[in-house]
Amino acid sequence: MKSVWNDCLILLYGLARVGHDTVDDVTYAFRSGVYCLPGARQNGIPETPKPPSLYDLGASLKRLAHSAPSVKQACVDACAHTVLVDKTVTLREAELLRAIVISLGCPIPPFLTATLPSS
């Protein structure tokens, strides 16, 4: 997990920004997702991460795609937690989460299938 820690943070922060309007809500969703990652207590969590660009998200997904299946699934689970922390899934969150799970070749967490809006 340590080698892709920053990549996981980029995905989580991207999801948090897509799904929330206020700085406090973005921060809360981001931190909630981070603390779902294995090793969260040992790794650094930035106070306010730099907003990721589409290039940053793509590069992070490419690096994560080469990770062990357990690392990819842990990242997807943390992403799902970030999306669901407010018990609301926006279309933008759903689309980004779908892109992440497809890119990483992971199944979408089962608790999300009934929650996500259909395309």
PDB file of N, CA and C in Angstrom:
ATOM      1  N   MET A   1       0.838  -1.200   0.000  1.00  0.00           N
ATOM      2  CA  MET A   1       0.000   0.000   0.000  1.00  0.00           C
ATOM      3  C   MET A   1       0.878   1.257   0.000  1.00  0.00           C
ATOM      4  N   LYS A   2       2.016   1.173   0.636  1.00  0.00           N
ATOM      5  CA  LYS A   2       2.853   2.363   0.774  1.00  0.00           C
ATOM      6  C   LYS A   2       3.284   2.937  -0.586  1.00  0.00           C
ATOM      7  N   SER A   3       3.568   2.053  -1.551  1.00  0.00           N
ATOM      8  CA  SER A   3       4.056   2.534  -2.846  1.00  0.00           C
ATOM      9  C   SER A   3       2.976   3.271  -3.657  1.00  0.00           C
ATOM     10  N   VAL A   4       1.714   3.019  -3.356  1.00  0.00           N
ATOM     11  CA  VAL A   4       0.620   3.683  -4.084  1.00  0.00           C
ATOM     12  C   VAL A   4      -0.234   4.561  -3.158  1.00  0.00           C
ATOM     13  N   TRP A   5       0.294   4.863  -1.999  1.00  0.00           N
ATOM     14  CA  TRP A   5      -0.450   5.659  -1.019  1.00  0.00           C
ATOM     15  C   TRP A   5      -0.939   6.980  -1.617  1.00  0.00           C
ATOM     16  N   ASN A   6      -0.021   7.723  -2.239  1.00  0.00           N
ATOM     17  CA  ASN A   6      -0.409   9.022  -2.805  1.00  0.00           C
ATOM     18  C   ASN A   6      -1.417   8.870  -3.930  1.00  0.00           C
ATOM     19  N   ASP A   7      -1.325   7.781  -4.677  1.00  0.00           N
ATOM     20  CA  ASP A   7      -2.303   7.538  -5.742  1.00  0.00           C
ATOM     21  C   ASP A   7      -3.699   7.304  -5.158  1.00  0.00           C
ATOM     22  N   CYS A   8      -3.760   6.571  -4.067  1.00  0.00           N
ATOM     23  CA  CYS A   8      -5.052   6.374  -3.388  1.00  0.00           C
ATOM     24  C   CYS A   8      -5.605   7.707  -2.895  1.00  0.00           C
ATOM     25  N   LEU A   9      -4.738   8.545  -2.342  1.00  0.00           N
ATOM     26  CA  LEU A   9      -5.180   9.856  -1.851  1.00  0.00           C
ATOM     27  C   LEU A   9      -5.742  10.703  -2.985  1.00  0.00           C
ATOM     28  N   ILE A  10      -5.107  10.636  -4.147  1.00  0.00           N
ATOM     29  CA  ILE A  10      -5.588  11.407  -5.302  1.00  0.00           C
ATOM     30  C   ILE A  10      -6.993  10.966  -5.694  1.00  0.00           C
ATOM     31  N   LEU A  11      -7.222   9.659  -5.760  1.00  0.00           N
ATOM     32  CA  LEU A  11      -8.555   9.170  -6.112  1.00  0.00           C
ATOM     33  C   LEU A  11      -9.589   9.575  -5.077  1.00  0.00           C
ATOM     34  N   LEU A  12      -9.238   9.414  -3.806  1.00  0.00           N
ATOM     35  CA  LEU A  12     -10.189   9.748  -2.738  1.00  0.00           C
ATOM     36  C   LEU A  12     -10.525  11.235  -2.740  1.00  0.00           C
ATOM     37  N   TYR A  13      -9.512  12.074  -2.933  1.00  0.00           N
ATOM     38  CA  TYR A  13      -9.765  13.509  -2.922  1.00  0.00           C
ATOM     39  C   TYR A  13     -10.578  13.922  -4.154  1.00  0.00           C
ATOM     40  N   GLY A  14     -10.294  13.282  -5.290  1.00  0.00           N
ATOM     41  CA  GLY A  14     -11.083  13.559  -6.485  1.00  0.00           C
ATOM     42  C   GLY A  14     -12.551  13.220  -6.279  1.00  0.00           C
ATOM     43  N   LEU A  15     -12.810  12.056  -5.681  1.00  0.00           N
ATOM     44  CA  LEU A  15     -14.199  11.666  -5.388  1.00  0.00           C
ATOM     45  C   LEU A  15     -14.853  12.616  -4.389  1.00  0.00           C
ATOM     46  N   ALA A  16     -14.109  12.998  -3.365  1.00  0.00           N
ATOM     47  CA  ALA A  16     -14.660  13.902  -2.350  1.00  0.00           C
ATOM     48  C   ALA A  16     -15.025  15.254  -2.968  1.00  0.00           C
ATOM     49  N   ARG A  17     -14.183  15.753  -3.853  1.00  0.00           N
ATOM     50  CA  ARG A  17     -14.462  17.047  -4.494  1.00  0.00           C
ATOM     51  C   ARG A  17     -15.630  16.976  -5.460  1.00  0.00           C
ATOM     52  N   VAL A  18     -15.773  15.860  -6.138  1.00  0.00           N
ATOM     53  CA  VAL A  18     -16.869  15.694  -7.102  1.00  0.00           C
ATOM     54  C   VAL A  18     -18.211  15.624  -6.390  1.00  0.00           C
ATOM     55  N   GLY A  19     -18.231  15.045  -5.185  1.00  0.00           N
ATOM     56  CA  GLY A  19     -19.496  14.790  -4.516  1.00  0.00           C
ATOM     57  C   GLY A  19     -19.929  15.786  -3.460  1.00  0.00           C
ATOM     58  N   HIS A  20     -19.106  16.783  -3.187  1.00  0.00           N
ATOM     59  CA  HIS A  20     -19.437  17.712  -2.106  1.00  0.00           C
ATOM     60  C   HIS A  20     -19.123  19.146  -2.506  1.00  0.00           C
ATOM     61  N   ASP A  21     -19.884  20.063  -1.940  1.00  0.00           N
ATOM     62  CA  ASP A  21     -19.756  21.464  -2.322  1.00  0.00           C
ATOM     63  C   ASP A  21     -18.914  22.298  -1.372  1.00  0.00           C
ATOM     64  N   THR A  22     -18.970  22.005  -0.077  1.00  0.00           N
ATOM     65  CA  THR A  22     -18.253  22.844   0.881  1.00  0.00           C
ATOM     66  C   THR A  22     -16.903  22.225   1.230  1.00  0.00           C
ATOM     67  N   VAL A  23     -15.980  23.065   1.627  1.00  0.00           N
ATOM     68  CA  VAL A  23     -14.647  22.606   2.012  1.00  0.00           C
ATOM     69  C   VAL A  23     -14.737  21.610   3.165  1.00  0.00           C
ATOM     70  N   ASP A  24     -15.592  21.896   4.140  1.00  0.00           N
ATOM     71  CA  ASP A  24     -15.730  20.987   5.287  1.00  0.00           C
ATOM     72  C   ASP A  24     -16.256  19.621   4.867  1.00  0.00           C
ATOM     73  N   ASP A  25     -17.241  19.595   3.963  1.00  0.00           N
ATOM     74  CA  ASP A  25     -17.791  18.322   3.503  1.00  0.00           C
ATOM     75  C   ASP A  25     -16.770  17.539   2.676  1.00  0.00           C
ATOM     76  N   VAL A  26     -16.016  18.232   1.834  1.00  0.00           N
ATOM     77  CA  VAL A  26     -14.967  17.584   1.044  1.00  0.00           C
ATOM     78  C   VAL A  26     -13.930  16.976   1.979  1.00  0.00           C
ATOM     79  N   THR A  27     -13.497  17.751   2.954  1.00  0.00           N
ATOM     80  CA  THR A  27     -12.483  17.275   3.902  1.00  0.00           C
ATOM     81  C   THR A  27     -12.989  16.080   4.687  1.00  0.00           C
ATOM     82  N   TYR A  28     -14.231  16.139   5.138  1.00  0.00           N
ATOM     83  CA  TYR A  28     -14.803  15.038   5.911  1.00  0.00           C
ATOM     84  C   TYR A  28     -14.893  13.758   5.075  1.00  0.00           C
ATOM     85  N   ALA A  29     -15.383  13.870   3.850  1.00  0.00           N
ATOM     86  CA  ALA A  29     -15.505  12.702   2.974  1.00  0.00           C
ATOM     87  C   ALA A  29     -14.120  12.130   2.654  1.00  0.00           C
ATOM     88  N   PHE A  30     -13.179  12.996   2.343  1.00  0.00           N
ATOM     89  CA  PHE A  30     -11.818  12.565   2.027  1.00  0.00           C
ATOM     90  C   PHE A  30     -11.201  11.821   3.204  1.00  0.00           C
ATOM     91  N   ARG A  31     -11.222  12.423   4.371  1.00  0.00           N
ATOM     92  CA  ARG A  31     -10.621  11.787   5.551  1.00  0.00           C
ATOM     93  C   ARG A  31     -11.330  10.481   5.922  1.00  0.00           C
ATOM     94  N   SER A  32     -12.628  10.430   5.753  1.00  0.00           N
ATOM     95  CA  SER A  32     -13.371   9.197   6.035  1.00  0.00           C
ATOM     96  C   SER A  32     -12.889   8.067   5.137  1.00  0.00           C
ATOM     97  N   GLY A  33     -12.680   8.376   3.871  1.00  0.00           N
ATOM     98  CA  GLY A  33     -12.165   7.372   2.948  1.00  0.00           C
ATOM     99  C   GLY A  33     -10.744   6.964   3.270  1.00  0.00           C
ATOM    100  N   VAL A  34      -9.903   7.932   3.597  1.00  0.00           N
ATOM    101  CA  VAL A  34      -8.498   7.640   3.913  1.00  0.00           C
ATOM    102  C   VAL A  34      -8.398   6.688   5.091  1.00  0.00           C
ATOM    103  N   TYR A  35      -9.189   6.905   6.117  1.00  0.00           N
ATOM    104  CA  TYR A  35      -9.093   6.055   7.307  1.00  0.00           C
ATOM    105  C   TYR A  35      -9.607   4.636   7.070  1.00  0.00           C
ATOM    106  N   CYS A  36     -10.194   4.383   5.892  1.00  0.00           N
ATOM    107  CA  CYS A  36     -10.578   3.014   5.515  1.00  0.00           C
ATOM    108  C   CYS A  36      -9.415   2.258   4.872  1.00  0.00           C
ATOM    109  N   LEU A  37      -8.368   2.974   4.481  1.00  0.00           N
ATOM    110  CA  LEU A  37      -7.224   2.331   3.846  1.00  0.00           C
ATOM    111  C   LEU A  37      -6.339   1.645   4.877  1.00  0.00           C
ATOM    112  N   PRO A  38      -5.816   0.465   4.541  1.00  0.00           N
ATOM    113  CA  PRO A  38      -4.855  -0.176   5.443  1.00  0.00           C
ATOM    114  C   PRO A  38      -3.629   0.717   5.616  1.00  0.00           C
ATOM    115  N   GLY A  39      -3.176   0.870   6.825  1.00  0.00           N
ATOM    116  CA  GLY A  39      -1.996   1.684   7.105  1.00  0.00           C
ATOM    117  C   GLY A  39      -2.259   3.163   7.209  1.00  0.00           C
ATOM    118  N   ALA A  40      -3.516   3.545   7.330  1.00  0.00           N
ATOM    119  CA  ALA A  40      -3.853   4.975   7.370  1.00  0.00           C
ATOM    120  C   ALA A  40      -3.188   5.685   8.543  1.00  0.00           C
ATOM    121  N   ARG A  41      -3.071   5.016   9.652  1.00  0.00           N
ATOM    122  CA  ARG A  41      -2.476   5.656  10.833  1.00  0.00           C
ATOM    123  C   ARG A  41      -0.969   5.879  10.668  1.00  0.00           C
ATOM    124  N   GLN A  42      -0.309   5.040   9.865  1.00  0.00           N
ATOM    125  CA  GLN A  42       1.145   5.146   9.701  1.00  0.00           C
ATOM    126  C   GLN A  42       1.559   6.101   8.584  1.00  0.00           C
ATOM    127  N   ASN A  43       0.686   6.321   7.634  1.00  0.00           N
ATOM    128  CA  ASN A  43       1.028   7.163   6.488  1.00  0.00           C
ATOM    129  C   ASN A  43       0.509   8.579   6.699  1.00  0.00           C
ATOM    130  N   GLY A  44       1.137   9.502   6.007  1.00  0.00           N
ATOM    131  CA  GLY A  44       0.747  10.900   6.158  1.00  0.00           C
ATOM    132  C   GLY A  44      -0.532  11.231   5.430  1.00  0.00           C
ATOM    133  N   ILE A  45      -1.356  12.039   6.062  1.00  0.00           N
ATOM    134  CA  ILE A  45      -2.596  12.507   5.454  1.00  0.00           C
ATOM    135  C   ILE A  45      -2.514  14.028   5.378  1.00  0.00           C
ATOM    136  N   PRO A  46      -2.453  14.572   4.170  1.00  0.00           N
ATOM    137  CA  PRO A  46      -2.333  16.029   4.061  1.00  0.00           C
ATOM    138  C   PRO A  46      -3.591  16.742   4.564  1.00  0.00           C
ATOM    139  N   GLU A  47      -3.388  17.884   5.161  1.00  0.00           N
ATOM    140  CA  GLU A  47      -4.515  18.685   5.653  1.00  0.00           C
ATOM    141  C   GLU A  47      -5.462  19.039   4.513  1.00  0.00           C
ATOM    142  N   THR A  48      -4.918  19.666   3.497  1.00  0.00           N
ATOM    143  CA  THR A  48      -5.709  20.003   2.321  1.00  0.00           C
ATOM    144  C   THR A  48      -4.903  19.600   1.096  1.00  0.00           C
ATOM    145  N   PRO A  49      -5.225  18.452   0.523  1.00  0.00           N
ATOM    146  CA  PRO A  49      -4.488  17.992  -0.656  1.00  0.00           C
ATOM    147  C   PRO A  49      -4.684  18.926  -1.838  1.00  0.00           C
ATOM    148  N   LYS A  50      -3.735  18.877  -2.738  1.00  0.00           N
ATOM    149  CA  LYS A  50      -3.848  19.644  -3.981  1.00  0.00           C
ATOM    150  C   LYS A  50      -4.964  19.021  -4.820  1.00  0.00           C
ATOM    151  N   PRO A  51      -5.887  19.819  -5.338  1.00  0.00           N
ATOM    152  CA  PRO A  51      -6.943  19.261  -6.184  1.00  0.00           C
ATOM    153  C   PRO A  51      -6.336  18.541  -7.389  1.00  0.00           C
ATOM    154  N   PRO A  52      -6.728  17.284  -7.603  1.00  0.00           N
ATOM    155  CA  PRO A  52      -6.138  16.545  -8.713  1.00  0.00           C
ATOM    156  C   PRO A  52      -6.731  16.952 -10.054  1.00  0.00           C
ATOM    157  N   SER A  53      -5.898  16.919 -11.065  1.00  0.00           N
ATOM    158  CA  SER A  53      -6.372  17.150 -12.438  1.00  0.00           C
ATOM    159  C   SER A  53      -6.795  15.807 -13.026  1.00  0.00           C
ATOM    160  N   LEU A  54      -7.403  15.834 -14.180  1.00  0.00           N
ATOM    161  CA  LEU A  54      -7.750  14.586 -14.866  1.00  0.00           C
ATOM    162  C   LEU A  54      -6.489  13.782 -15.178  1.00  0.00           C
ATOM    163  N   TYR A  55      -5.406  14.479 -15.496  1.00  0.00           N
ATOM    164  CA  TYR A  55      -4.137  13.796 -15.740  1.00  0.00           C
ATOM    165  C   TYR A  55      -3.668  13.071 -14.478  1.00  0.00           C
ATOM    166  N   ASP A  56      -3.748  13.748 -13.328  1.00  0.00           N
ATOM    167  CA  ASP A  56      -3.346  13.137 -12.054  1.00  0.00           C
ATOM    168  C   ASP A  56      -4.171  11.879 -11.771  1.00  0.00           C
ATOM    169  N   LEU A  57      -5.481  11.977 -11.975  1.00  0.00           N
ATOM    170  CA  LEU A  57      -6.363  10.825 -11.744  1.00  0.00           C
ATOM    171  C   LEU A  57      -5.998   9.664 -12.671  1.00  0.00           C
ATOM    172  N   GLY A  58      -5.766   9.966 -13.935  1.00  0.00           N
ATOM    173  CA  GLY A  58      -5.401   8.927 -14.897  1.00  0.00           C
ATOM    174  C   GLY A  58      -4.073   8.271 -14.571  1.00  0.00           C
ATOM    175  N   ALA A  59      -3.087   9.087 -14.209  1.00  0.00           N
ATOM    176  CA  ALA A  59      -1.772   8.546 -13.866  1.00  0.00           C
ATOM    177  C   ALA A  59      -1.850   7.679 -12.611  1.00  0.00           C
ATOM    178  N   SER A  60      -2.634   8.109 -11.641  1.00  0.00           N
ATOM    179  CA  SER A  60      -2.802   7.322 -10.420  1.00  0.00           C
ATOM    180  C   SER A  60      -3.483   5.994 -10.713  1.00  0.00           C
ATOM    181  N   LEU A  61      -4.505   6.020 -11.560  1.00  0.00           N
ATOM    182  CA  LEU A  61      -5.193   4.784 -11.932  1.00  0.00           C
ATOM    183  C   LEU A  61      -4.247   3.822 -12.642  1.00  0.00           C
ATOM    184  N   LYS A  62      -3.375   4.347 -13.505  1.00  0.00           N
ATOM    185  CA  LYS A  62      -2.419   3.487 -14.210  1.00  0.00           C
ATOM    186  C   LYS A  62      -1.464   2.818 -13.225  1.00  0.00           C
ATOM    187  N   ARG A  63      -0.968   3.576 -12.263  1.00  0.00           N
ATOM    188  CA  ARG A  63      -0.051   2.988 -11.272  1.00  0.00           C
ATOM    189  C   ARG A  63      -0.781   1.971 -10.400  1.00  0.00           C
ATOM    190  N   LEU A  64      -1.979   2.312  -9.969  1.00  0.00           N
ATOM    191  CA  LEU A  64      -2.750   1.394  -9.126  1.00  0.00           C
ATOM    192  C   LEU A  64      -3.135   0.116  -9.864  1.00  0.00           C
ATOM    193  N   ALA A  65      -3.308   0.202 -11.175  1.00  0.00           N
ATOM    194  CA  ALA A  65      -3.682  -0.977 -11.964  1.00  0.00           C
ATOM    195  C   ALA A  65      -2.619  -2.070 -11.889  1.00  0.00           C
ATOM    196  N   HIS A  66      -1.386  -1.694 -11.572  1.00  0.00           N
ATOM    197  CA  HIS A  66      -0.293  -2.662 -11.465  1.00  0.00           C
ATOM    198  C   HIS A  66      -0.098  -3.173 -10.043  1.00  0.00           C
ATOM    199  N   SER A  67      -0.964  -2.792  -9.140  1.00  0.00           N
ATOM    200  CA  SER A  67      -0.867  -3.213  -7.736  1.00  0.00           C
ATOM    201  C   SER A  67      -1.459  -4.601  -7.553  1.00  0.00           C
ATOM    202  N   ALA A  68      -1.203  -5.155  -6.391  1.00  0.00           N
ATOM    203  CA  ALA A  68      -1.789  -6.444  -6.025  1.00  0.00           C
ATOM    204  C   ALA A  68      -3.307  -6.297  -5.937  1.00  0.00           C
ATOM    205  N   PRO A  69      -4.038  -7.353  -6.240  1.00  0.00           N
ATOM    206  CA  PRO A  69      -5.501  -7.285  -6.164  1.00  0.00           C
ATOM    207  C   PRO A  69      -6.018  -6.809  -4.807  1.00  0.00           C
ATOM    208  N   SER A  70      -5.378  -7.198  -3.730  1.00  0.00           N
ATOM    209  CA  SER A  70      -5.840  -6.774  -2.404  1.00  0.00           C
ATOM    210  C   SER A  70      -5.674  -5.271  -2.204  1.00  0.00           C
ATOM    211  N   VAL A  71      -4.627  -4.698  -2.769  1.00  0.00           N
ATOM    212  CA  VAL A  71      -4.412  -3.245  -2.675  1.00  0.00           C
ATOM    213  C   VAL A  71      -5.465  -2.512  -3.499  1.00  0.00           C
ATOM    214  N   LYS A  72      -5.714  -3.007  -4.712  1.00  0.00           N
ATOM    215  CA  LYS A  72      -6.728  -2.372  -5.565  1.00  0.00           C
ATOM    216  C   LYS A  72      -8.101  -2.434  -4.893  1.00  0.00           C
ATOM    217  N   GLN A  73      -8.449  -3.585  -4.316  1.00  0.00           N
ATOM    218  CA  GLN A  73      -9.760  -3.714  -3.681  1.00  0.00           C
ATOM    219  C   GLN A  73      -9.869  -2.817  -2.451  1.00  0.00           C
ATOM    220  N   ALA A  74      -8.775  -2.691  -1.685  1.00  0.00           N
ATOM    221  CA  ALA A  74      -8.789  -1.794  -0.526  1.00  0.00           C
ATOM    222  C   ALA A  74      -9.014  -0.353  -0.964  1.00  0.00           C
ATOM    223  N   CYS A  75      -8.415   0.038  -2.071  1.00  0.00           N
ATOM    224  CA  CYS A  75      -8.600   1.395  -2.590  1.00  0.00           C
ATOM    225  C   CYS A  75     -10.040   1.589  -3.051  1.00  0.00           C
ATOM    226  N   VAL A  76     -10.598   0.609  -3.746  1.00  0.00           N
ATOM    227  CA  VAL A  76     -11.991   0.701  -4.205  1.00  0.00           C
ATOM    228  C   VAL A  76     -12.941   0.789  -3.013  1.00  0.00           C
ATOM    229  N   ASP A  77     -12.694   0.001  -1.990  1.00  0.00           N
ATOM    230  CA  ASP A  77     -13.549   0.049  -0.796  1.00  0.00           C
ATOM    231  C   ASP A  77     -13.481   1.430  -0.133  1.00  0.00           C
ATOM    232  N   ALA A  78     -12.275   2.009  -0.069  1.00  0.00           N
ATOM    233  CA  ALA A  78     -12.129   3.352   0.506  1.00  0.00           C
ATOM    234  C   ALA A  78     -12.840   4.389  -0.373  1.00  0.00           C
ATOM    235  N   CYS A  79     -12.763   4.211  -1.676  1.00  0.00           N
ATOM    236  CA  CYS A  79     -13.477   5.106  -2.598  1.00  0.00           C
ATOM    237  C   CYS A  79     -14.981   5.018  -2.365  1.00  0.00           C
ATOM    238  N   ALA A  80     -15.479   3.803  -2.214  1.00  0.00           N
ATOM    239  CA  ALA A  80     -16.913   3.616  -1.965  1.00  0.00           C
ATOM    240  C   ALA A  80     -17.318   4.280  -0.655  1.00  0.00           C
ATOM    241  N   HIS A  81     -16.481   4.163   0.352  1.00  0.00           N
ATOM    242  CA  HIS A  81     -16.788   4.796   1.636  1.00  0.00           C
ATOM    243  C   HIS A  81     -16.824   6.321   1.484  1.00  0.00           C
ATOM    244  N   THR A  82     -15.901   6.860   0.713  1.00  0.00           N
ATOM    245  CA  THR A  82     -15.864   8.308   0.469  1.00  0.00           C
ATOM    246  C   THR A  82     -17.164   8.768  -0.179  1.00  0.00           C
ATOM    247  N   VAL A  83     -17.644   7.993  -1.135  1.00  0.00           N
ATOM    248  CA  VAL A  83     -18.881   8.340  -1.838  1.00  0.00           C
ATOM    249  C   VAL A  83     -20.088   8.234  -0.916  1.00  0.00           C
ATOM    250  N   LEU A  84     -20.125   7.212  -0.081  1.00  0.00           N
ATOM    251  CA  LEU A  84     -21.314   6.942   0.731  1.00  0.00           C
ATOM    252  C   LEU A  84     -21.335   7.610   2.103  1.00  0.00           C
ATOM    253  N   VAL A  85     -20.286   8.315   2.461  1.00  0.00           N
ATOM    254  CA  VAL A  85     -20.214   8.873   3.815  1.00  0.00           C
ATOM    255  C   VAL A  85     -21.389   9.798   4.125  1.00  0.00           C
ATOM    256  N   ASP A  86     -21.921  10.464   3.116  1.00  0.00           N
ATOM    257  CA  ASP A  86     -23.071  11.358   3.341  1.00  0.00           C
ATOM    258  C   ASP A  86     -24.399  10.692   2.983  1.00  0.00           C
ATOM    259  N   LYS A  87     -24.351   9.391   2.676  1.00  0.00           N
ATOM    260  CA  LYS A  87     -25.547   8.596   2.342  1.00  0.00           C
ATOM    261  C   LYS A  87     -26.263   9.090   1.085  1.00  0.00           C
ATOM    262  N   THR A  88     -25.544   9.825   0.245  1.00  0.00           N
ATOM    263  CA  THR A  88     -26.074  10.320  -1.014  1.00  0.00           C
ATOM    264  C   THR A  88     -25.037  10.058  -2.102  1.00  0.00           C
ATOM    265  N   VAL A  89     -25.480   9.518  -3.223  1.00  0.00           N
ATOM    266  CA  VAL A  89     -24.576   9.267  -4.341  1.00  0.00           C
ATOM    267  C   VAL A  89     -25.037  10.117  -5.520  1.00  0.00           C
ATOM    268  N   THR A  90     -24.206  11.070  -5.893  1.00  0.00           N
ATOM    269  CA  THR A  90     -24.528  11.914  -7.046  1.00  0.00           C
ATOM    270  C   THR A  90     -24.155  11.177  -8.330  1.00  0.00           C
ATOM    271  N   LEU A  91     -24.687  11.640  -9.426  1.00  0.00           N
ATOM    272  CA  LEU A  91     -24.359  11.037 -10.717  1.00  0.00           C
ATOM    273  C   LEU A  91     -22.864  11.173 -11.006  1.00  0.00           C
ATOM    274  N   ARG A  92     -22.295  12.311 -10.690  1.00  0.00           N
ATOM    275  CA  ARG A  92     -20.858  12.522 -10.929  1.00  0.00           C
ATOM    276  C   ARG A  92     -20.010  11.571 -10.093  1.00  0.00           C
ATOM    277  N   GLU A  93     -20.412  11.357  -8.826  1.00  0.00           N
ATOM    278  CA  GLU A  93     -19.688  10.403  -7.980  1.00  0.00           C
ATOM    279  C   GLU A  93     -19.802   8.991  -8.556  1.00  0.00           C
ATOM    280  N   ALA A  94     -21.006   8.629  -8.973  1.00  0.00           N
ATOM    281  CA  ALA A  94     -21.242   7.286  -9.512  1.00  0.00           C
ATOM    282  C   ALA A  94     -20.404   7.061 -10.771  1.00  0.00           C
ATOM    283  N   GLU A  95     -20.371   8.044 -11.637  1.00  0.00           N
ATOM    284  CA  GLU A  95     -19.599   7.907 -12.875  1.00  0.00           C
ATOM    285  C   GLU A  95     -18.109   7.776 -12.592  1.00  0.00           C
ATOM    286  N   LEU A  96     -17.591   8.587 -11.685  1.00  0.00           N
ATOM    287  CA  LEU A  96     -16.164   8.503 -11.361  1.00  0.00           C
ATOM    288  C   LEU A  96     -15.849   7.181 -10.668  1.00  0.00           C
ATOM    289  N   LEU A  97     -16.709   6.749  -9.768  1.00  0.00           N
ATOM    290  CA  LEU A  97     -16.483   5.474  -9.088  1.00  0.00           C
ATOM    291  C   LEU A  97     -16.525   4.317 -10.085  1.00  0.00           C
ATOM    292  N   ARG A  98     -17.458   4.351 -11.010  1.00  0.00           N
ATOM    293  CA  ARG A  98     -17.503   3.306 -12.050  1.00  0.00           C
ATOM    294  C   ARG A  98     -16.222   3.295 -12.871  1.00  0.00           C
ATOM    295  N   ALA A  99     -15.722   4.463 -13.239  1.00  0.00           N
ATOM    296  CA  ALA A  99     -14.470   4.539 -14.005  1.00  0.00           C
ATOM    297  C   ALA A  99     -13.314   3.943 -13.204  1.00  0.00           C
ATOM    298  N   ILE A 100     -13.298   4.196 -11.909  1.00  0.00           N
ATOM    299  CA  ILE A 100     -12.234   3.667 -11.058  1.00  0.00           C
ATOM    300  C   ILE A 100     -12.300   2.144 -10.999  1.00  0.00           C
ATOM    301  N   VAL A 101     -13.477   1.589 -10.722  1.00  0.00           N
ATOM    302  CA  VAL A 101     -13.574   0.128 -10.582  1.00  0.00           C
ATOM    303  C   VAL A 101     -13.303  -0.574 -11.915  1.00  0.00           C
ATOM    304  N   ILE A 102     -13.716   0.025 -13.008  1.00  0.00           N
ATOM    305  CA  ILE A 102     -13.429  -0.568 -14.320  1.00  0.00           C
ATOM    306  C   ILE A 102     -11.935  -0.509 -14.608  1.00  0.00           C
ATOM    307  N   SER A 103     -11.313   0.637 -14.335  1.00  0.00           N
ATOM    308  CA  SER A 103      -9.878   0.792 -14.583  1.00  0.00           C
ATOM    309  C   SER A 103      -9.044  -0.169 -13.746  1.00  0.00           C
ATOM    310  N   LEU A 104      -9.483  -0.428 -12.535  1.00  0.00           N
ATOM    311  CA  LEU A 104      -8.720  -1.300 -11.647  1.00  0.00           C
ATOM    312  C   LEU A 104      -9.139  -2.763 -11.769  1.00  0.00           C
ATOM    313  N   GLY A 105     -10.187  -3.023 -12.519  1.00  0.00           N
ATOM    314  CA  GLY A 105     -10.631  -4.400 -12.697  1.00  0.00           C
ATOM    315  C   GLY A 105     -11.158  -5.026 -11.424  1.00  0.00           C
ATOM    316  N   CYS A 106     -11.771  -4.215 -10.588  1.00  0.00           N
ATOM    317  CA  CYS A 106     -12.323  -4.692  -9.315  1.00  0.00           C
ATOM    318  C   CYS A 106     -13.843  -4.661  -9.379  1.00  0.00           C
ATOM    319  N   PRO A 107     -14.485  -5.565  -8.643  1.00  0.00           N
ATOM    320  CA  PRO A 107     -15.936  -5.484  -8.574  1.00  0.00           C
ATOM    321  C   PRO A 107     -16.355  -4.288  -7.722  1.00  0.00           C
ATOM    322  N   ILE A 108     -17.490  -3.737  -8.049  1.00  0.00           N
ATOM    323  CA  ILE A 108     -18.021  -2.654  -7.229  1.00  0.00           C
ATOM    324  C   ILE A 108     -18.507  -3.274  -5.921  1.00  0.00           C
ATOM    325  N   PRO A 109     -18.237  -2.625  -4.803  1.00  0.00           N
ATOM    326  CA  PRO A 109     -18.681  -3.197  -3.533  1.00  0.00           C
ATOM    327  C   PRO A 109     -20.184  -3.462  -3.551  1.00  0.00           C
ATOM    328  N   PRO A 110     -20.621  -4.623  -3.032  1.00  0.00           N
ATOM    329  CA  PRO A 110     -22.031  -5.010  -3.140  1.00  0.00           C
ATOM    330  C   PRO A 110     -23.001  -4.031  -2.496  1.00  0.00           C
ATOM    331  N   PHE A 111     -22.575  -3.330  -1.458  1.00  0.00           N
ATOM    332  CA  PHE A 111     -23.487  -2.389  -0.810  1.00  0.00           C
ATOM    333  C   PHE A 111     -23.745  -1.166  -1.665  1.00  0.00           C
ATOM    334  N   LEU A 112     -23.001  -1.010  -2.742  1.00  0.00           N
ATOM    335  CA  LEU A 112     -23.200   0.143  -3.624  1.00  0.00           C
ATOM    336  C   LEU A 112     -24.152  -0.140  -4.768  1.00  0.00           C
ATOM    337  N   THR A 113     -24.319  -1.373  -5.154  1.00  0.00           N
ATOM    338  CA  THR A 113     -25.086  -1.660  -6.359  1.00  0.00           C
ATOM    339  C   THR A 113     -26.522  -1.147  -6.297  1.00  0.00           C
ATOM    340  N   ALA A 114     -27.141  -1.194  -5.140  1.00  0.00           N
ATOM    341  CA  ALA A 114     -28.515  -0.696  -5.015  1.00  0.00           C
ATOM    342  C   ALA A 114     -28.569   0.809  -4.820  1.00  0.00           C
ATOM    343  N   THR A 115     -27.429   1.416  -4.495  1.00  0.00           N
ATOM    344  CA  THR A 115     -27.389   2.842  -4.180  1.00  0.00           C
ATOM    345  C   THR A 115     -27.082   3.721  -5.382  1.00  0.00           C
ATOM    346  N   LEU A 116     -26.296   3.192  -6.328  1.00  0.00           N
ATOM    347  CA  LEU A 116     -25.856   3.998  -7.445  1.00  0.00           C
ATOM    348  C   LEU A 116     -26.996   4.311  -8.409  1.00  0.00           C
ATOM    349  N   PRO A 117     -27.066   5.558  -8.869  1.00  0.00           N
ATOM    350  CA  PRO A 117     -28.077   5.890  -9.867  1.00  0.00           C
ATOM    351  C   PRO A 117     -27.753   5.176 -11.171  1.00  0.00           C
ATOM    352  N   SER A 118     -28.761   4.755 -11.892  1.00  0.00           N
ATOM    353  CA  SER A 118     -28.501   4.083 -13.162  1.00  0.00           C
ATOM    354  C   SER A 118     -28.192   5.125 -14.233  1.00  0.00           C
ATOM    355  N   SER A 119     -27.416   4.711 -15.207  1.00  0.00           N
ATOM    356  CA  SER A 119     -26.989   5.623 -16.265  1.00  0.00           C
ATOM    357  C   SER A 119     -28.102   5.920 -17.241  1.00  0.00           C
TER     358      SER A 119
END
